[in-house]
N, C-alpha and C. Protein backbone atom coordinates (compact mmCIF):
# COMPACT_ATOMS: atom_id res chain seq x y z
N UNK A 1 16.07 -16.05 -18.17
CA UNK A 1 17.49 -15.85 -18.50
C UNK A 1 18.41 -16.20 -17.35
N UNK A 2 17.87 -16.75 -16.28
CA UNK A 2 18.71 -17.16 -15.16
C UNK A 2 18.66 -16.25 -13.96
N UNK A 3 17.80 -15.25 -14.00
CA UNK A 3 17.72 -14.32 -12.88
C UNK A 3 16.33 -14.29 -12.27
N UNK A 4 16.22 -13.68 -11.10
CA UNK A 4 14.94 -13.53 -10.41
C UNK A 4 14.76 -12.05 -10.07
N UNK A 5 13.60 -11.51 -10.43
CA UNK A 5 13.37 -10.07 -10.24
C UNK A 5 12.66 -9.77 -8.94
N UNK A 6 13.09 -8.69 -8.28
CA UNK A 6 12.38 -8.10 -7.16
C UNK A 6 11.94 -6.73 -7.63
N UNK A 7 10.64 -6.49 -7.66
CA UNK A 7 10.12 -5.30 -8.32
C UNK A 7 9.63 -4.24 -7.35
N UNK A 8 10.00 -3.00 -7.63
CA UNK A 8 9.43 -1.84 -6.94
C UNK A 8 8.63 -1.06 -7.98
N UNK A 9 7.33 -0.99 -7.80
CA UNK A 9 6.46 -0.33 -8.78
C UNK A 9 6.47 1.17 -8.53
N UNK A 10 6.79 1.94 -9.56
CA UNK A 10 6.85 3.40 -9.44
C UNK A 10 5.58 4.08 -9.92
N UNK A 11 4.80 3.38 -10.75
CA UNK A 11 3.56 3.95 -11.27
C UNK A 11 2.68 2.85 -11.82
N UNK A 12 1.39 3.09 -11.83
CA UNK A 12 0.44 2.18 -12.47
C UNK A 12 0.03 2.81 -13.79
N UNK A 13 0.17 2.07 -14.87
CA UNK A 13 -0.13 2.62 -16.19
C UNK A 13 -1.30 1.90 -16.85
N UNK A 14 -2.01 2.62 -17.69
CA UNK A 14 -3.00 2.00 -18.58
C UNK A 14 -2.33 1.88 -19.94
N UNK A 15 -2.05 0.65 -20.38
CA UNK A 15 -1.34 0.49 -21.63
C UNK A 15 -1.70 -0.85 -22.27
N UNK A 16 -1.44 -0.94 -23.57
CA UNK A 16 -1.58 -2.21 -24.28
C UNK A 16 -0.39 -2.36 -25.21
N UNK A 17 -0.47 -3.20 -26.21
CA UNK A 17 0.70 -3.45 -27.08
C UNK A 17 1.03 -2.27 -27.99
N UNK A 18 0.15 -1.28 -28.06
CA UNK A 18 0.40 -0.14 -28.95
C UNK A 18 0.93 1.10 -28.24
N UNK A 19 0.76 1.16 -26.91
CA UNK A 19 1.25 2.35 -26.22
C UNK A 19 0.63 2.53 -24.85
N UNK A 20 0.85 3.73 -24.29
CA UNK A 20 0.39 4.10 -22.94
C UNK A 20 -0.63 5.21 -23.05
N UNK A 21 -1.72 5.12 -22.28
CA UNK A 21 -2.74 6.17 -22.34
C UNK A 21 -2.84 6.98 -21.05
N UNK A 22 -2.38 6.42 -19.91
CA UNK A 22 -2.41 7.20 -18.67
C UNK A 22 -1.43 6.63 -17.65
N UNK A 23 -1.03 7.47 -16.70
CA UNK A 23 -0.08 7.09 -15.65
C UNK A 23 -0.59 7.57 -14.30
N UNK A 24 -0.63 6.67 -13.32
CA UNK A 24 -0.98 7.04 -11.94
C UNK A 24 0.25 6.82 -11.07
N UNK A 25 0.70 7.87 -10.43
CA UNK A 25 1.96 7.82 -9.67
C UNK A 25 1.79 7.11 -8.33
N UNK A 26 2.84 6.40 -7.92
CA UNK A 26 2.94 5.83 -6.58
C UNK A 26 3.74 6.82 -5.72
N UNK A 27 3.32 7.11 -4.50
CA UNK A 27 4.06 8.07 -3.65
C UNK A 27 5.53 7.67 -3.48
N UNK A 28 6.45 8.61 -3.57
CA UNK A 28 7.89 8.32 -3.45
C UNK A 28 8.26 7.53 -2.20
N UNK A 29 7.60 7.83 -1.08
CA UNK A 29 7.92 7.14 0.17
C UNK A 29 7.59 5.65 0.06
N UNK A 30 6.50 5.32 -0.65
CA UNK A 30 6.11 3.93 -0.82
C UNK A 30 7.07 3.19 -1.76
N UNK A 31 7.59 3.90 -2.75
CA UNK A 31 8.59 3.32 -3.65
C UNK A 31 9.85 2.99 -2.87
N UNK A 32 10.24 3.94 -2.03
CA UNK A 32 11.43 3.75 -1.18
C UNK A 32 11.27 2.53 -0.28
N UNK A 33 10.08 2.37 0.32
CA UNK A 33 9.81 1.22 1.19
C UNK A 33 9.91 -0.10 0.42
N UNK A 34 9.37 -0.11 -0.81
CA UNK A 34 9.42 -1.32 -1.63
C UNK A 34 10.87 -1.75 -1.89
N UNK A 35 11.69 -0.78 -2.28
CA UNK A 35 13.09 -1.09 -2.61
C UNK A 35 13.85 -1.59 -1.39
N UNK A 36 13.74 -0.85 -0.29
CA UNK A 36 14.51 -1.19 0.91
C UNK A 36 14.06 -2.51 1.54
N UNK A 37 12.75 -2.78 1.53
CA UNK A 37 12.25 -3.98 2.18
C UNK A 37 12.62 -5.24 1.40
N UNK A 38 12.53 -5.19 0.06
CA UNK A 38 12.92 -6.36 -0.74
C UNK A 38 14.42 -6.57 -0.67
N UNK A 39 15.19 -5.49 -0.67
CA UNK A 39 16.65 -5.60 -0.63
C UNK A 39 17.16 -6.05 0.74
N UNK A 40 16.38 -5.78 1.78
CA UNK A 40 16.73 -6.26 3.12
C UNK A 40 16.64 -7.79 3.17
N UNK A 41 15.71 -8.34 2.42
CA UNK A 41 15.52 -9.79 2.36
C UNK A 41 16.59 -10.45 1.50
N UNK A 42 16.76 -9.96 0.27
CA UNK A 42 17.75 -10.50 -0.67
C UNK A 42 18.47 -9.32 -1.33
N UNK A 43 19.77 -9.20 -1.12
CA UNK A 43 20.51 -8.10 -1.74
C UNK A 43 20.60 -8.33 -3.25
N UNK A 44 20.23 -7.34 -4.06
CA UNK A 44 20.26 -7.51 -5.51
C UNK A 44 21.69 -7.56 -6.05
N UNK A 45 21.92 -8.45 -7.04
CA UNK A 45 23.22 -8.52 -7.72
C UNK A 45 23.36 -7.41 -8.74
N UNK A 46 22.24 -6.93 -9.24
CA UNK A 46 22.22 -5.80 -10.18
C UNK A 46 20.85 -5.15 -10.10
N UNK A 47 20.79 -3.88 -10.48
CA UNK A 47 19.54 -3.13 -10.42
C UNK A 47 19.25 -2.50 -11.77
N UNK A 48 18.01 -2.66 -12.23
CA UNK A 48 17.56 -1.97 -13.44
C UNK A 48 16.52 -0.93 -13.06
N UNK A 49 16.73 0.29 -13.49
CA UNK A 49 15.79 1.38 -13.21
C UNK A 49 15.02 1.69 -14.48
N UNK A 50 13.69 1.74 -14.36
CA UNK A 50 12.84 2.08 -15.50
C UNK A 50 12.26 3.47 -15.34
N UNK A 51 10.93 3.58 -15.41
CA UNK A 51 10.27 4.89 -15.42
C UNK A 51 10.30 5.56 -14.05
N UNK A 52 10.89 6.73 -13.99
CA UNK A 52 10.88 7.60 -12.81
C UNK A 52 10.23 8.91 -13.24
N UNK A 53 8.98 9.11 -12.90
CA UNK A 53 8.17 10.14 -13.56
C UNK A 53 8.24 11.53 -12.94
N UNK A 54 8.88 11.66 -11.77
CA UNK A 54 8.95 12.98 -11.13
C UNK A 54 10.29 13.17 -10.43
N UNK A 55 10.61 14.42 -10.14
CA UNK A 55 11.83 14.75 -9.41
C UNK A 55 11.84 14.09 -8.04
N UNK A 56 10.68 14.10 -7.37
CA UNK A 56 10.57 13.53 -6.03
C UNK A 56 10.89 12.03 -6.05
N UNK A 57 10.41 11.33 -7.07
CA UNK A 57 10.67 9.89 -7.20
C UNK A 57 12.16 9.65 -7.46
N UNK A 58 12.76 10.44 -8.34
CA UNK A 58 14.18 10.28 -8.66
C UNK A 58 15.03 10.48 -7.41
N UNK A 59 14.76 11.53 -6.65
CA UNK A 59 15.53 11.80 -5.43
C UNK A 59 15.34 10.69 -4.39
N UNK A 60 14.14 10.14 -4.33
CA UNK A 60 13.86 9.04 -3.41
C UNK A 60 14.64 7.79 -3.81
N UNK A 61 14.70 7.51 -5.10
CA UNK A 61 15.45 6.35 -5.60
C UNK A 61 16.95 6.52 -5.36
N UNK A 62 17.46 7.71 -5.60
CA UNK A 62 18.88 7.99 -5.33
C UNK A 62 19.20 7.73 -3.86
N UNK A 63 18.33 8.19 -2.99
CA UNK A 63 18.50 8.01 -1.54
C UNK A 63 18.57 6.52 -1.18
N UNK A 64 17.69 5.72 -1.77
CA UNK A 64 17.68 4.28 -1.46
C UNK A 64 18.88 3.57 -2.07
N UNK A 65 19.31 3.99 -3.27
CA UNK A 65 20.48 3.38 -3.91
C UNK A 65 21.73 3.60 -3.05
N UNK A 66 21.82 4.76 -2.43
CA UNK A 66 22.96 5.06 -1.55
C UNK A 66 23.00 4.12 -0.35
N UNK A 67 21.83 3.66 0.07
CA UNK A 67 21.75 2.75 1.21
C UNK A 67 22.06 1.31 0.80
N UNK A 68 21.63 0.91 -0.40
CA UNK A 68 21.81 -0.48 -0.85
C UNK A 68 23.25 -0.74 -1.29
N UNK A 69 23.86 0.25 -1.95
CA UNK A 69 25.26 0.19 -2.38
C UNK A 69 25.55 -0.95 -3.37
N UNK A 70 24.66 -1.14 -4.33
CA UNK A 70 24.91 -2.07 -5.43
C UNK A 70 25.53 -1.29 -6.59
N UNK A 71 26.67 -1.75 -7.10
CA UNK A 71 27.39 -1.00 -8.14
C UNK A 71 26.83 -1.23 -9.54
N UNK A 72 26.27 -2.42 -9.76
CA UNK A 72 25.77 -2.76 -11.11
C UNK A 72 24.35 -2.19 -11.29
N UNK A 73 24.30 -0.93 -11.72
CA UNK A 73 23.02 -0.25 -11.90
C UNK A 73 22.84 0.12 -13.37
N UNK A 74 21.75 -0.34 -13.97
CA UNK A 74 21.44 -0.02 -15.37
C UNK A 74 20.22 0.90 -15.37
N UNK A 75 20.32 2.03 -16.04
CA UNK A 75 19.21 2.99 -16.12
C UNK A 75 18.64 3.00 -17.53
N UNK A 76 17.38 2.61 -17.64
CA UNK A 76 16.64 2.77 -18.89
C UNK A 76 15.79 4.03 -18.71
N UNK A 77 16.22 5.17 -19.27
CA UNK A 77 15.55 6.44 -18.97
C UNK A 77 14.23 6.57 -19.73
N UNK A 78 13.21 5.87 -19.23
CA UNK A 78 11.91 5.83 -19.91
C UNK A 78 11.25 7.20 -19.82
N UNK A 79 11.14 7.87 -20.97
CA UNK A 79 10.61 9.23 -20.99
C UNK A 79 9.41 9.38 -21.92
N UNK A 80 9.49 8.71 -23.07
CA UNK A 80 8.44 8.86 -24.08
C UNK A 80 8.01 7.48 -24.54
N UNK A 81 6.73 7.17 -24.39
CA UNK A 81 6.22 5.87 -24.83
C UNK A 81 6.20 5.80 -26.35
N UNK A 82 6.06 4.58 -26.86
CA UNK A 82 6.13 4.33 -28.30
C UNK A 82 5.18 5.24 -29.10
N UNK A 83 3.98 5.46 -28.55
CA UNK A 83 3.00 6.28 -29.27
C UNK A 83 3.19 7.77 -29.07
N UNK A 84 4.22 8.18 -28.33
CA UNK A 84 4.50 9.59 -28.13
C UNK A 84 4.03 10.13 -26.79
N UNK A 85 3.40 9.29 -25.95
CA UNK A 85 2.91 9.72 -24.64
C UNK A 85 4.09 10.05 -23.73
N UNK A 86 4.10 11.27 -23.17
CA UNK A 86 5.21 11.70 -22.33
C UNK A 86 5.04 11.13 -20.91
N UNK A 87 6.07 10.47 -20.41
CA UNK A 87 5.99 9.74 -19.14
C UNK A 87 6.74 10.41 -18.00
N UNK A 88 7.34 11.57 -18.26
CA UNK A 88 8.20 12.21 -17.26
C UNK A 88 8.15 13.72 -17.47
N UNK A 89 8.19 14.48 -16.37
CA UNK A 89 8.12 15.94 -16.46
C UNK A 89 9.47 16.53 -16.86
N UNK A 90 9.44 17.76 -17.35
CA UNK A 90 10.69 18.44 -17.76
C UNK A 90 11.62 18.64 -16.56
N UNK A 91 11.03 18.93 -15.40
CA UNK A 91 11.83 19.12 -14.18
C UNK A 91 12.52 17.81 -13.81
N UNK A 92 11.80 16.70 -13.97
CA UNK A 92 12.37 15.39 -13.65
C UNK A 92 13.49 15.02 -14.61
N UNK A 93 13.35 15.38 -15.87
CA UNK A 93 14.41 15.13 -16.86
C UNK A 93 15.69 15.84 -16.44
N UNK A 94 15.55 17.07 -15.98
CA UNK A 94 16.71 17.86 -15.52
C UNK A 94 17.36 17.19 -14.30
N UNK A 95 16.56 16.72 -13.37
CA UNK A 95 17.07 16.05 -12.18
C UNK A 95 17.78 14.75 -12.55
N UNK A 96 17.16 13.99 -13.45
CA UNK A 96 17.76 12.73 -13.91
C UNK A 96 19.12 12.98 -14.55
N UNK A 97 19.18 14.01 -15.40
CA UNK A 97 20.41 14.34 -16.12
C UNK A 97 21.52 14.81 -15.17
N UNK A 98 21.14 15.60 -14.17
CA UNK A 98 22.14 16.22 -13.30
C UNK A 98 22.53 15.38 -12.09
N UNK A 99 21.61 14.52 -11.60
CA UNK A 99 21.88 13.84 -10.33
C UNK A 99 21.90 12.31 -10.39
N UNK A 100 21.18 11.71 -11.35
CA UNK A 100 21.09 10.26 -11.33
C UNK A 100 22.05 9.57 -12.29
N UNK A 101 22.17 10.07 -13.53
CA UNK A 101 22.91 9.29 -14.52
C UNK A 101 24.40 9.10 -14.18
N UNK A 102 24.96 9.99 -13.39
CA UNK A 102 26.37 9.82 -13.00
C UNK A 102 26.57 8.69 -11.99
N UNK A 103 25.45 8.23 -11.38
CA UNK A 103 25.52 7.16 -10.39
C UNK A 103 25.37 5.76 -10.99
N UNK A 104 24.97 5.69 -12.26
CA UNK A 104 24.68 4.38 -12.86
C UNK A 104 25.86 3.88 -13.67
N UNK A 105 25.88 2.56 -13.90
CA UNK A 105 26.98 1.94 -14.65
C UNK A 105 26.72 1.94 -16.15
N UNK A 106 25.43 1.88 -16.52
CA UNK A 106 25.04 1.89 -17.94
C UNK A 106 23.72 2.61 -18.08
N UNK A 107 23.60 3.41 -19.15
CA UNK A 107 22.33 4.05 -19.49
C UNK A 107 21.92 3.57 -20.88
N UNK A 108 20.62 3.28 -21.08
CA UNK A 108 20.17 2.68 -22.34
C UNK A 108 19.04 3.49 -23.00
N UNK A 109 19.29 4.73 -23.39
CA UNK A 109 18.22 5.51 -24.02
C UNK A 109 17.96 5.07 -25.46
N UNK A 110 16.71 5.22 -25.91
CA UNK A 110 16.45 5.09 -27.35
C UNK A 110 16.75 6.45 -27.99
N UNK A 111 16.56 6.56 -29.28
CA UNK A 111 16.93 7.80 -29.98
C UNK A 111 16.15 9.02 -29.45
N UNK A 112 14.81 8.96 -29.32
CA UNK A 112 14.10 10.14 -28.78
C UNK A 112 14.56 10.53 -27.37
N UNK A 113 14.86 9.54 -26.53
CA UNK A 113 15.32 9.82 -25.17
C UNK A 113 16.72 10.42 -25.18
N UNK A 114 17.58 9.92 -26.06
CA UNK A 114 18.93 10.48 -26.19
C UNK A 114 18.88 11.92 -26.68
N UNK A 115 17.91 12.21 -27.55
CA UNK A 115 17.73 13.60 -28.04
C UNK A 115 17.33 14.52 -26.89
N UNK A 116 16.43 14.06 -26.04
CA UNK A 116 15.98 14.86 -24.90
C UNK A 116 17.13 15.10 -23.91
N UNK A 117 17.91 14.07 -23.65
CA UNK A 117 19.01 14.17 -22.68
C UNK A 117 20.15 15.06 -23.17
N UNK A 118 20.41 15.03 -24.47
CA UNK A 118 21.58 15.74 -25.02
C UNK A 118 21.24 17.04 -25.73
N UNK A 119 19.95 17.26 -25.98
CA UNK A 119 19.50 18.46 -26.70
C UNK A 119 20.07 18.56 -28.11
N UNK A 120 20.26 17.40 -28.77
CA UNK A 120 20.64 17.42 -30.17
C UNK A 120 19.67 16.55 -30.98
N UNK A 121 19.59 16.78 -32.27
CA UNK A 121 18.73 16.00 -33.15
C UNK A 121 19.54 14.83 -33.69
N UNK A 122 18.98 13.62 -33.64
CA UNK A 122 19.70 12.43 -34.10
C UNK A 122 19.04 11.90 -35.37
N UNK A 123 19.78 11.98 -36.46
CA UNK A 123 19.25 11.54 -37.76
C UNK A 123 20.13 10.48 -38.42
N UNK A 124 21.28 10.18 -37.81
CA UNK A 124 22.21 9.24 -38.43
C UNK A 124 23.00 8.50 -37.36
N UNK A 125 23.79 7.53 -37.81
CA UNK A 125 24.67 6.80 -36.89
C UNK A 125 25.70 7.73 -36.27
N UNK A 126 26.22 8.65 -37.06
CA UNK A 126 27.20 9.62 -36.53
C UNK A 126 26.58 10.48 -35.43
N UNK A 127 25.31 10.84 -35.61
CA UNK A 127 24.61 11.62 -34.59
C UNK A 127 24.45 10.81 -33.30
N UNK A 128 24.19 9.51 -33.44
CA UNK A 128 24.07 8.63 -32.26
C UNK A 128 25.39 8.59 -31.49
N UNK A 129 26.48 8.49 -32.23
CA UNK A 129 27.81 8.46 -31.59
C UNK A 129 28.10 9.79 -30.90
N UNK A 130 27.71 10.89 -31.55
CA UNK A 130 27.89 12.22 -30.97
C UNK A 130 27.10 12.35 -29.67
N UNK A 131 25.87 11.87 -29.68
CA UNK A 131 25.03 11.93 -28.48
C UNK A 131 25.62 11.08 -27.36
N UNK A 132 26.14 9.91 -27.70
CA UNK A 132 26.77 9.03 -26.70
C UNK A 132 27.96 9.72 -26.05
N UNK A 133 28.74 10.44 -26.85
CA UNK A 133 29.90 11.17 -26.32
C UNK A 133 29.48 12.31 -25.39
N UNK A 134 28.35 12.94 -25.69
CA UNK A 134 27.83 13.99 -24.80
C UNK A 134 27.42 13.37 -23.46
N UNK A 135 26.75 12.22 -23.51
CA UNK A 135 26.34 11.54 -22.28
C UNK A 135 27.56 11.11 -21.47
N UNK A 136 28.63 10.75 -22.16
CA UNK A 136 29.87 10.37 -21.48
C UNK A 136 30.41 11.55 -20.67
N UNK A 137 30.27 12.76 -21.21
CA UNK A 137 30.74 13.96 -20.53
C UNK A 137 29.89 14.29 -19.30
N UNK A 138 28.65 13.77 -19.28
CA UNK A 138 27.77 13.98 -18.12
C UNK A 138 28.19 13.12 -16.93
N UNK A 139 29.11 12.18 -17.16
CA UNK A 139 29.57 11.32 -16.08
C UNK A 139 29.10 9.89 -16.15
N UNK A 140 28.39 9.52 -17.24
CA UNK A 140 27.94 8.13 -17.40
C UNK A 140 29.14 7.27 -17.79
N UNK A 141 29.29 6.11 -17.15
CA UNK A 141 30.44 5.25 -17.45
C UNK A 141 30.29 4.51 -18.77
N UNK A 142 29.07 4.04 -19.06
CA UNK A 142 28.80 3.29 -20.29
C UNK A 142 27.45 3.70 -20.86
N UNK A 143 27.38 3.79 -22.19
CA UNK A 143 26.16 4.19 -22.87
C UNK A 143 25.81 3.20 -23.95
N UNK A 144 24.54 2.82 -24.03
CA UNK A 144 24.03 2.04 -25.16
C UNK A 144 22.83 2.78 -25.72
N UNK A 145 23.01 3.44 -26.86
CA UNK A 145 21.88 4.12 -27.51
C UNK A 145 21.23 3.15 -28.49
N UNK A 146 19.95 2.90 -28.27
CA UNK A 146 19.22 1.93 -29.07
C UNK A 146 18.73 2.56 -30.37
N UNK A 147 18.92 1.85 -31.48
CA UNK A 147 18.64 2.42 -32.80
C UNK A 147 17.31 2.04 -33.41
N UNK A 148 16.40 1.49 -32.61
CA UNK A 148 15.13 1.03 -33.16
C UNK A 148 14.28 2.10 -33.80
N UNK A 149 14.44 3.35 -33.36
CA UNK A 149 13.65 4.45 -33.92
C UNK A 149 14.25 5.01 -35.22
N UNK A 150 15.40 4.48 -35.63
CA UNK A 150 16.01 4.94 -36.88
C UNK A 150 15.20 4.52 -38.09
N UNK A 151 15.54 5.06 -39.25
CA UNK A 151 14.80 4.78 -40.48
C UNK A 151 15.54 3.85 -41.43
N UNK A 152 16.66 3.30 -40.99
CA UNK A 152 17.47 2.46 -41.86
C UNK A 152 16.94 1.02 -41.91
N UNK A 153 17.39 0.25 -42.91
CA UNK A 153 16.94 -1.14 -43.07
C UNK A 153 17.46 -2.03 -41.94
N UNK A 154 18.62 -1.68 -41.42
CA UNK A 154 19.17 -2.41 -40.28
C UNK A 154 19.13 -1.51 -39.05
N UNK A 155 19.16 -2.13 -37.86
CA UNK A 155 19.20 -1.33 -36.64
C UNK A 155 20.63 -1.27 -36.12
N UNK A 156 21.04 -0.09 -35.72
CA UNK A 156 22.37 0.10 -35.16
C UNK A 156 22.25 0.55 -33.72
N UNK A 157 22.77 -0.26 -32.80
CA UNK A 157 22.81 0.11 -31.39
C UNK A 157 24.25 0.50 -31.06
N UNK A 158 24.43 1.69 -30.50
CA UNK A 158 25.76 2.25 -30.25
C UNK A 158 26.15 2.06 -28.78
N UNK A 159 27.23 1.32 -28.55
CA UNK A 159 27.78 1.12 -27.20
C UNK A 159 29.08 1.92 -27.10
N UNK A 160 29.18 2.73 -26.07
CA UNK A 160 30.35 3.60 -25.92
C UNK A 160 30.76 3.74 -24.46
N UNK A 161 32.06 3.68 -24.22
CA UNK A 161 32.64 4.12 -22.95
C UNK A 161 33.96 4.81 -23.27
N UNK A 162 34.75 5.14 -22.28
CA UNK A 162 35.99 5.88 -22.52
C UNK A 162 37.03 5.07 -23.29
N UNK A 163 36.89 3.75 -23.29
CA UNK A 163 37.89 2.88 -23.92
C UNK A 163 37.48 2.33 -25.28
N UNK A 164 36.18 2.22 -25.53
CA UNK A 164 35.77 1.57 -26.78
C UNK A 164 34.45 2.09 -27.33
N UNK A 165 34.30 1.91 -28.63
CA UNK A 165 33.06 2.17 -29.34
C UNK A 165 32.70 0.90 -30.10
N UNK A 166 31.48 0.42 -29.91
CA UNK A 166 31.05 -0.79 -30.60
C UNK A 166 29.65 -0.57 -31.18
N UNK A 167 29.46 -0.99 -32.42
CA UNK A 167 28.16 -0.89 -33.07
C UNK A 167 27.56 -2.29 -33.20
N UNK A 168 26.40 -2.50 -32.60
CA UNK A 168 25.68 -3.76 -32.75
C UNK A 168 24.68 -3.60 -33.89
N UNK A 169 24.91 -4.31 -34.99
CA UNK A 169 24.07 -4.16 -36.18
C UNK A 169 23.20 -5.39 -36.36
N UNK A 170 21.90 -5.17 -36.56
CA UNK A 170 20.96 -6.28 -36.77
C UNK A 170 19.94 -5.92 -37.83
N UNK A 171 19.40 -6.93 -38.47
CA UNK A 171 18.36 -6.72 -39.47
C UNK A 171 17.10 -6.22 -38.78
N UNK A 172 16.48 -5.19 -39.34
CA UNK A 172 15.27 -4.63 -38.74
C UNK A 172 14.10 -5.61 -38.92
N UNK A 173 13.38 -5.84 -37.85
CA UNK A 173 12.20 -6.70 -37.89
C UNK A 173 10.98 -5.80 -38.10
N UNK A 174 10.27 -6.01 -39.19
CA UNK A 174 9.11 -5.19 -39.51
C UNK A 174 7.89 -5.75 -38.77
N UNK A 175 7.48 -5.06 -37.72
CA UNK A 175 6.36 -5.51 -36.90
C UNK A 175 5.78 -4.33 -36.13
N UNK A 176 4.51 -4.41 -35.78
CA UNK A 176 3.87 -3.39 -34.94
C UNK A 176 4.09 -3.69 -33.46
N UNK A 177 4.55 -4.90 -33.15
CA UNK A 177 4.64 -5.35 -31.76
C UNK A 177 6.00 -5.02 -31.13
N UNK A 178 6.32 -3.74 -31.10
CA UNK A 178 7.62 -3.33 -30.54
C UNK A 178 7.48 -2.56 -29.23
N UNK A 179 6.25 -2.33 -28.78
CA UNK A 179 6.05 -1.61 -27.52
C UNK A 179 6.59 -2.45 -26.36
N UNK A 180 7.56 -1.88 -25.62
CA UNK A 180 8.13 -2.60 -24.48
C UNK A 180 9.44 -3.30 -24.76
N UNK A 181 9.91 -3.25 -26.01
CA UNK A 181 11.17 -3.96 -26.33
C UNK A 181 12.37 -3.31 -25.65
N UNK A 182 12.34 -2.00 -25.47
CA UNK A 182 13.45 -1.33 -24.78
C UNK A 182 13.55 -1.75 -23.33
N UNK A 183 12.38 -1.89 -22.67
CA UNK A 183 12.35 -2.35 -21.28
C UNK A 183 12.85 -3.79 -21.18
N UNK A 184 12.45 -4.61 -22.16
CA UNK A 184 12.90 -6.00 -22.20
C UNK A 184 14.42 -6.06 -22.36
N UNK A 185 14.96 -5.23 -23.25
CA UNK A 185 16.40 -5.21 -23.50
C UNK A 185 17.18 -4.84 -22.24
N UNK A 186 16.80 -3.76 -21.59
CA UNK A 186 17.55 -3.33 -20.39
C UNK A 186 17.43 -4.35 -19.26
N UNK A 187 16.28 -5.01 -19.16
CA UNK A 187 16.10 -6.06 -18.16
C UNK A 187 17.00 -7.26 -18.46
N UNK A 188 17.10 -7.61 -19.75
CA UNK A 188 17.95 -8.73 -20.16
C UNK A 188 19.42 -8.42 -19.90
N UNK A 189 19.85 -7.20 -20.21
CA UNK A 189 21.23 -6.79 -19.95
C UNK A 189 21.53 -6.92 -18.45
N UNK A 190 20.61 -6.42 -17.63
CA UNK A 190 20.80 -6.46 -16.17
C UNK A 190 20.91 -7.89 -15.67
N UNK A 191 20.09 -8.78 -16.22
CA UNK A 191 20.10 -10.18 -15.81
C UNK A 191 21.42 -10.85 -16.15
N UNK A 192 21.87 -10.70 -17.40
CA UNK A 192 23.16 -11.28 -17.81
C UNK A 192 24.30 -10.71 -16.97
N UNK A 193 24.25 -9.40 -16.71
CA UNK A 193 25.27 -8.71 -15.92
C UNK A 193 25.28 -9.24 -14.48
N UNK A 194 24.09 -9.45 -13.93
CA UNK A 194 23.97 -9.97 -12.56
C UNK A 194 24.49 -11.40 -12.45
N UNK A 195 24.38 -12.14 -13.56
CA UNK A 195 24.80 -13.55 -13.55
C UNK A 195 26.30 -13.74 -13.83
N UNK A 196 27.03 -12.62 -13.96
CA UNK A 196 28.48 -12.72 -14.06
C UNK A 196 29.11 -12.40 -15.40
N UNK A 197 28.29 -12.16 -16.44
CA UNK A 197 28.85 -11.74 -17.74
C UNK A 197 29.37 -10.31 -17.62
N UNK A 198 30.42 -9.97 -18.41
CA UNK A 198 30.85 -8.58 -18.40
C UNK A 198 29.81 -7.73 -19.15
N UNK A 199 29.91 -6.42 -19.04
CA UNK A 199 28.88 -5.54 -19.58
C UNK A 199 28.76 -5.65 -21.09
N UNK A 200 29.89 -5.67 -21.78
CA UNK A 200 29.88 -5.76 -23.24
C UNK A 200 29.16 -7.02 -23.71
N UNK A 201 29.50 -8.16 -23.07
CA UNK A 201 28.88 -9.44 -23.42
C UNK A 201 27.41 -9.44 -23.04
N UNK A 202 27.07 -8.81 -21.93
CA UNK A 202 25.67 -8.73 -21.49
C UNK A 202 24.82 -7.98 -22.52
N UNK A 203 25.37 -6.87 -23.05
CA UNK A 203 24.67 -6.10 -24.08
C UNK A 203 24.50 -6.94 -25.35
N UNK A 204 25.57 -7.60 -25.76
CA UNK A 204 25.55 -8.42 -26.98
C UNK A 204 24.50 -9.53 -26.88
N UNK A 205 24.49 -10.25 -25.76
CA UNK A 205 23.54 -11.35 -25.57
C UNK A 205 22.11 -10.85 -25.50
N UNK A 206 21.91 -9.72 -24.81
CA UNK A 206 20.56 -9.16 -24.67
C UNK A 206 20.00 -8.69 -26.01
N UNK A 207 20.86 -8.07 -26.82
CA UNK A 207 20.42 -7.60 -28.15
C UNK A 207 20.03 -8.78 -29.03
N UNK A 208 20.82 -9.86 -28.97
CA UNK A 208 20.47 -11.07 -29.72
C UNK A 208 19.15 -11.65 -29.25
N UNK A 209 18.94 -11.64 -27.94
CA UNK A 209 17.72 -12.17 -27.35
C UNK A 209 16.49 -11.40 -27.83
N UNK A 210 16.57 -10.07 -27.80
CA UNK A 210 15.44 -9.23 -28.19
C UNK A 210 15.18 -9.33 -29.70
N UNK A 211 16.23 -9.59 -30.48
CA UNK A 211 16.08 -9.66 -31.94
C UNK A 211 15.68 -11.05 -32.45
N UNK A 212 15.44 -12.00 -31.54
CA UNK A 212 15.01 -13.33 -31.97
C UNK A 212 13.62 -13.30 -32.59
């Protein structure tokens, strides 16, 4: 998509196209070293955050973000794998909610993740909008709640900030090969955003890309 990734690995997972079966954590200090050393070489134009499985890792990432000072930060709050495998502790969820999400420019939870973050049940488009508004009150500047876990014939992705509400509607693709699509989407948004597109356009282009 026009970008080049510099990766800091936070965990080693055993997974295939259907889900995740185990997670082995990387020490927080080593994660910090990965981020700072790659960023010392080439400063990132945008940062995408994926799975942060513990409070210690989250605090370590916050510490390094404060040093790098990149404003374009997208958080994909990876908490529950497609098959239901829990990827993050309850303590870490609390830390993420209270200390990290206010520092990012966009958060991209799916419906189960938005339910965990907001403590509400999401069964409709109106519920998705309600959850997005709750996240807005937590200090997040922009929210994109992904609708892939919904039961409707079309998928509705809800984009919200203080100035606008936009619904991205697409035909649902019936397939078993959806494991990892959320990670792909947030990475695509980050890439378009890093290449100079505004956030709204970056979301629109990334959603089209994932739905091809």
